Amino acid sequence: MAAVYSASRAVPVVLEQLLKKGFHKEEILWAWGTCPLPPPVDDPVTLAARKHTALQYGTVTSYWVRTGDEKTTDAPAARCIFPPFAP
């Protein structure tokens, strides 16, 4: 169940970073995300490693933002690179 919860956090985590980068919540029209669920195993260490790998390499998010050109063409604001998700 923890793996499902972690996968569902992809959109809110990136949304938080967009807000920190200067986007206003009124400018974000919609968002979606997807993340693979790791195969279940009995070993908690192996499960944590699989969950971390799925979040770091399999997460895809997309946002539709209505804002001025200066925010979307400015590399630091338009491109968000995030630290790996915690396992």
N, C-alpha and C. Protein backbone atom coordinates (compact mmCIF):
# COMPACT_ATOMS: atom_id res chain seq x y z
N MET A 1 0.82 -1.19 0.00
CA MET A 1 0.00 0.00 0.00
C MET A 1 0.87 1.26 0.00
N ALA A 2 2.02 1.21 0.65
CA ALA A 2 2.91 2.37 0.67
C ALA A 2 3.41 2.72 -0.72
N ALA A 3 3.59 1.71 -1.58
CA ALA A 3 4.04 1.97 -2.94
C ALA A 3 2.99 2.74 -3.72
N VAL A 4 1.72 2.42 -3.53
CA VAL A 4 0.64 3.13 -4.21
C VAL A 4 0.59 4.58 -3.73
N TYR A 5 0.72 4.79 -2.44
CA TYR A 5 0.72 6.15 -1.90
C TYR A 5 1.89 6.95 -2.46
N SER A 6 3.06 6.37 -2.51
CA SER A 6 4.24 7.07 -3.02
C SER A 6 4.06 7.44 -4.48
N ALA A 7 3.51 6.54 -5.28
CA ALA A 7 3.29 6.82 -6.69
C ALA A 7 2.28 7.95 -6.87
N SER A 8 1.30 8.02 -5.99
CA SER A 8 0.29 9.07 -6.11
C SER A 8 0.83 10.45 -5.73
N ARG A 9 1.99 10.51 -5.13
CA ARG A 9 2.58 11.79 -4.71
C ARG A 9 3.34 12.50 -5.83
N ALA A 10 3.46 11.91 -7.01
CA ALA A 10 4.26 12.50 -8.08
C ALA A 10 3.78 13.88 -8.46
N VAL A 11 2.50 14.05 -8.74
CA VAL A 11 1.97 15.36 -9.16
C VAL A 11 2.09 16.40 -8.04
N PRO A 12 1.68 16.12 -6.80
CA PRO A 12 1.80 17.13 -5.76
C PRO A 12 3.25 17.57 -5.48
N VAL A 13 4.19 16.64 -5.57
CA VAL A 13 5.59 17.00 -5.32
C VAL A 13 6.10 17.97 -6.38
N VAL A 14 5.83 17.69 -7.65
CA VAL A 14 6.27 18.57 -8.72
C VAL A 14 5.50 19.89 -8.68
N LEU A 15 4.22 19.84 -8.37
CA LEU A 15 3.42 21.06 -8.26
C LEU A 15 4.00 22.00 -7.20
N GLU A 16 4.40 21.44 -6.08
CA GLU A 16 5.02 22.24 -5.02
C GLU A 16 6.29 22.94 -5.54
N GLN A 17 7.08 22.23 -6.33
CA GLN A 17 8.30 22.83 -6.88
C GLN A 17 7.98 23.94 -7.88
N LEU A 18 6.93 23.77 -8.69
CA LEU A 18 6.53 24.82 -9.62
C LEU A 18 6.11 26.08 -8.87
N LEU A 19 5.38 25.91 -7.79
CA LEU A 19 4.96 27.06 -7.00
C LEU A 19 6.17 27.76 -6.38
N LYS A 20 7.16 27.00 -5.94
CA LYS A 20 8.38 27.60 -5.40
C LYS A 20 9.17 28.35 -6.46
N LYS A 21 9.04 27.93 -7.74
CA LYS A 21 9.77 28.56 -8.83
C LYS A 21 9.05 29.81 -9.36
N GLY A 22 7.93 30.19 -8.74
CA GLY A 22 7.29 31.44 -9.11
C GLY A 22 5.98 31.33 -9.87
N PHE A 23 5.53 30.12 -10.16
CA PHE A 23 4.22 29.98 -10.79
C PHE A 23 3.15 30.17 -9.73
N HIS A 24 2.04 30.77 -10.11
CA HIS A 24 0.92 30.96 -9.18
C HIS A 24 -0.10 29.85 -9.41
N LYS A 25 -0.78 29.45 -8.34
CA LYS A 25 -1.72 28.33 -8.48
C LYS A 25 -2.84 28.63 -9.46
N GLU A 26 -3.18 29.91 -9.64
CA GLU A 26 -4.21 30.28 -10.61
C GLU A 26 -3.75 30.06 -12.05
N GLU A 27 -2.43 30.01 -12.26
CA GLU A 27 -1.89 29.82 -13.61
C GLU A 27 -1.87 28.34 -14.03
N ILE A 28 -1.93 27.44 -13.08
CA ILE A 28 -1.87 26.01 -13.38
C ILE A 28 -3.30 25.52 -13.60
N LEU A 29 -3.60 25.16 -14.85
CA LEU A 29 -4.96 24.79 -15.21
C LEU A 29 -5.26 23.32 -14.91
N TRP A 30 -4.35 22.43 -15.21
CA TRP A 30 -4.53 21.03 -14.88
C TRP A 30 -3.18 20.32 -14.86
N ALA A 31 -3.19 19.15 -14.26
CA ALA A 31 -1.97 18.36 -14.18
C ALA A 31 -2.35 16.88 -14.13
N TRP A 32 -1.46 16.04 -14.60
CA TRP A 32 -1.65 14.60 -14.49
C TRP A 32 -0.28 13.96 -14.31
N GLY A 33 -0.29 12.77 -13.81
CA GLY A 33 0.96 12.04 -13.63
C GLY A 33 0.73 10.55 -13.63
N THR A 34 1.80 9.83 -13.88
CA THR A 34 1.74 8.38 -13.85
C THR A 34 3.07 7.85 -13.30
N CYS A 35 2.99 6.74 -12.64
CA CYS A 35 4.18 6.11 -12.08
C CYS A 35 3.92 4.61 -11.98
N PRO A 36 4.86 3.81 -12.44
CA PRO A 36 4.66 2.36 -12.33
C PRO A 36 4.71 1.90 -10.88
N LEU A 37 3.95 0.89 -10.58
CA LEU A 37 4.01 0.28 -9.24
C LEU A 37 5.04 -0.83 -9.27
N PRO A 38 5.88 -0.91 -8.24
CA PRO A 38 6.89 -1.97 -8.22
C PRO A 38 6.24 -3.33 -7.97
N PRO A 39 6.84 -4.39 -8.50
CA PRO A 39 6.32 -5.73 -8.22
C PRO A 39 6.41 -6.03 -6.73
N PRO A 40 5.39 -6.60 -6.15
CA PRO A 40 5.42 -6.88 -4.71
C PRO A 40 6.41 -8.00 -4.37
N VAL A 41 7.09 -7.82 -3.25
CA VAL A 41 8.00 -8.84 -2.71
C VAL A 41 7.84 -8.85 -1.20
N ASP A 42 8.29 -9.91 -0.56
CA ASP A 42 8.17 -10.03 0.90
C ASP A 42 9.28 -9.28 1.63
N ASP A 43 10.41 -9.10 0.98
CA ASP A 43 11.56 -8.44 1.62
C ASP A 43 11.36 -6.92 1.59
N PRO A 44 11.27 -6.26 2.76
CA PRO A 44 11.03 -4.81 2.79
C PRO A 44 12.16 -3.99 2.17
N VAL A 45 13.39 -4.46 2.27
CA VAL A 45 14.52 -3.72 1.68
C VAL A 45 14.44 -3.76 0.15
N THR A 46 14.13 -4.91 -0.39
CA THR A 46 13.98 -5.04 -1.84
C THR A 46 12.79 -4.22 -2.33
N LEU A 47 11.70 -4.23 -1.60
CA LEU A 47 10.52 -3.44 -1.97
C LEU A 47 10.85 -1.96 -1.97
N ALA A 48 11.57 -1.48 -0.95
CA ALA A 48 11.95 -0.07 -0.90
C ALA A 48 12.83 0.30 -2.09
N ALA A 49 13.76 -0.57 -2.45
CA ALA A 49 14.63 -0.29 -3.60
C ALA A 49 13.83 -0.26 -4.90
N ARG A 50 12.89 -1.17 -5.06
CA ARG A 50 12.05 -1.19 -6.26
C ARG A 50 11.15 0.05 -6.33
N LYS A 51 10.62 0.44 -5.19
CA LYS A 51 9.76 1.63 -5.14
C LYS A 51 10.56 2.87 -5.52
N HIS A 52 11.74 2.99 -4.98
CA HIS A 52 12.61 4.13 -5.28
C HIS A 52 12.93 4.17 -6.78
N THR A 53 13.27 3.04 -7.36
CA THR A 53 13.59 2.98 -8.78
C THR A 53 12.39 3.36 -9.64
N ALA A 54 11.22 2.86 -9.29
CA ALA A 54 10.01 3.19 -10.05
C ALA A 54 9.72 4.69 -9.99
N LEU A 55 9.86 5.29 -8.82
CA LEU A 55 9.59 6.72 -8.68
C LEU A 55 10.63 7.57 -9.41
N GLN A 56 11.88 7.19 -9.31
CA GLN A 56 12.94 8.01 -9.90
C GLN A 56 12.97 7.90 -11.41
N TYR A 57 12.77 6.72 -11.96
CA TYR A 57 12.95 6.53 -13.40
C TYR A 57 11.65 6.34 -14.18
N GLY A 58 10.55 6.12 -13.50
CA GLY A 58 9.31 5.85 -14.23
C GLY A 58 8.24 6.91 -14.10
N THR A 59 8.44 7.92 -13.26
CA THR A 59 7.44 8.94 -13.04
C THR A 59 7.40 9.92 -14.20
N VAL A 60 6.18 10.20 -14.68
CA VAL A 60 5.96 11.20 -15.72
C VAL A 60 4.84 12.11 -15.24
N THR A 61 5.07 13.42 -15.28
CA THR A 61 4.03 14.38 -14.94
C THR A 61 3.92 15.40 -16.06
N SER A 62 2.72 15.95 -16.22
CA SER A 62 2.48 16.95 -17.25
C SER A 62 1.56 18.02 -16.67
N TYR A 63 1.85 19.27 -17.03
CA TYR A 63 1.09 20.41 -16.50
C TYR A 63 0.70 21.33 -17.64
N TRP A 64 -0.51 21.86 -17.58
CA TRP A 64 -0.97 22.87 -18.52
C TRP A 64 -1.02 24.17 -17.74
N VAL A 65 -0.16 25.10 -18.14
CA VAL A 65 0.00 26.35 -17.41
C VAL A 65 -0.34 27.52 -18.33
N ARG A 66 -1.16 28.45 -17.85
CA ARG A 66 -1.46 29.66 -18.59
C ARG A 66 -0.71 30.81 -17.92
N THR A 67 0.33 31.28 -18.62
CA THR A 67 1.18 32.33 -18.06
C THR A 67 1.88 33.06 -19.20
N GLY A 68 2.64 34.07 -18.87
CA GLY A 68 3.36 34.84 -19.88
C GLY A 68 4.56 34.09 -20.44
N ASP A 69 5.00 34.54 -21.61
CA ASP A 69 6.15 33.91 -22.26
C ASP A 69 7.41 33.96 -21.42
N GLU A 70 7.57 34.99 -20.59
CA GLU A 70 8.80 35.13 -19.81
C GLU A 70 8.99 33.96 -18.84
N LYS A 71 7.93 33.37 -18.34
CA LYS A 71 8.06 32.23 -17.43
C LYS A 71 8.32 30.93 -18.17
N THR A 72 7.74 30.79 -19.34
CA THR A 72 7.87 29.53 -20.06
C THR A 72 9.15 29.45 -20.88
N THR A 73 9.76 30.58 -21.20
CA THR A 73 11.00 30.55 -21.97
C THR A 73 12.23 30.69 -21.08
N ASP A 74 12.04 31.13 -19.84
CA ASP A 74 13.15 31.25 -18.90
C ASP A 74 13.50 29.85 -18.39
N ALA A 75 14.68 29.38 -18.72
CA ALA A 75 15.07 28.00 -18.40
C ALA A 75 14.90 27.63 -16.94
N PRO A 76 15.35 28.46 -15.97
CA PRO A 76 15.19 28.03 -14.57
C PRO A 76 13.73 27.88 -14.15
N ALA A 77 12.83 28.68 -14.70
CA ALA A 77 11.42 28.58 -14.30
C ALA A 77 10.68 27.50 -15.08
N ALA A 78 11.02 27.31 -16.35
CA ALA A 78 10.28 26.38 -17.19
C ALA A 78 10.77 24.94 -17.04
N ARG A 79 11.99 24.78 -16.64
CA ARG A 79 12.55 23.43 -16.53
C ARG A 79 12.81 23.13 -15.06
N CYS A 80 12.20 22.09 -14.58
CA CYS A 80 12.34 21.72 -13.16
C CYS A 80 13.09 20.40 -13.06
N ILE A 81 14.20 20.42 -12.40
CA ILE A 81 14.95 19.19 -12.14
C ILE A 81 14.89 18.96 -10.63
N PHE A 82 14.44 17.81 -10.24
CA PHE A 82 14.16 17.57 -8.83
C PHE A 82 15.09 16.49 -8.28
N PRO A 83 15.34 16.55 -6.99
CA PRO A 83 16.13 15.48 -6.38
C PRO A 83 15.32 14.18 -6.42
N PRO A 84 15.99 13.07 -6.33
CA PRO A 84 15.28 11.79 -6.37
C PRO A 84 14.23 11.71 -5.25
N PHE A 85 13.15 11.03 -5.55
CA PHE A 85 12.14 10.78 -4.52
C PHE A 85 12.75 9.90 -3.44
N ALA A 86 12.38 10.14 -2.22
CA ALA A 86 12.87 9.31 -1.11
C ALA A 86 12.22 7.93 -1.19
N PRO A 87 12.96 6.90 -0.90
CA PRO A 87 12.37 5.55 -0.96
C PRO A 87 11.35 5.34 0.15
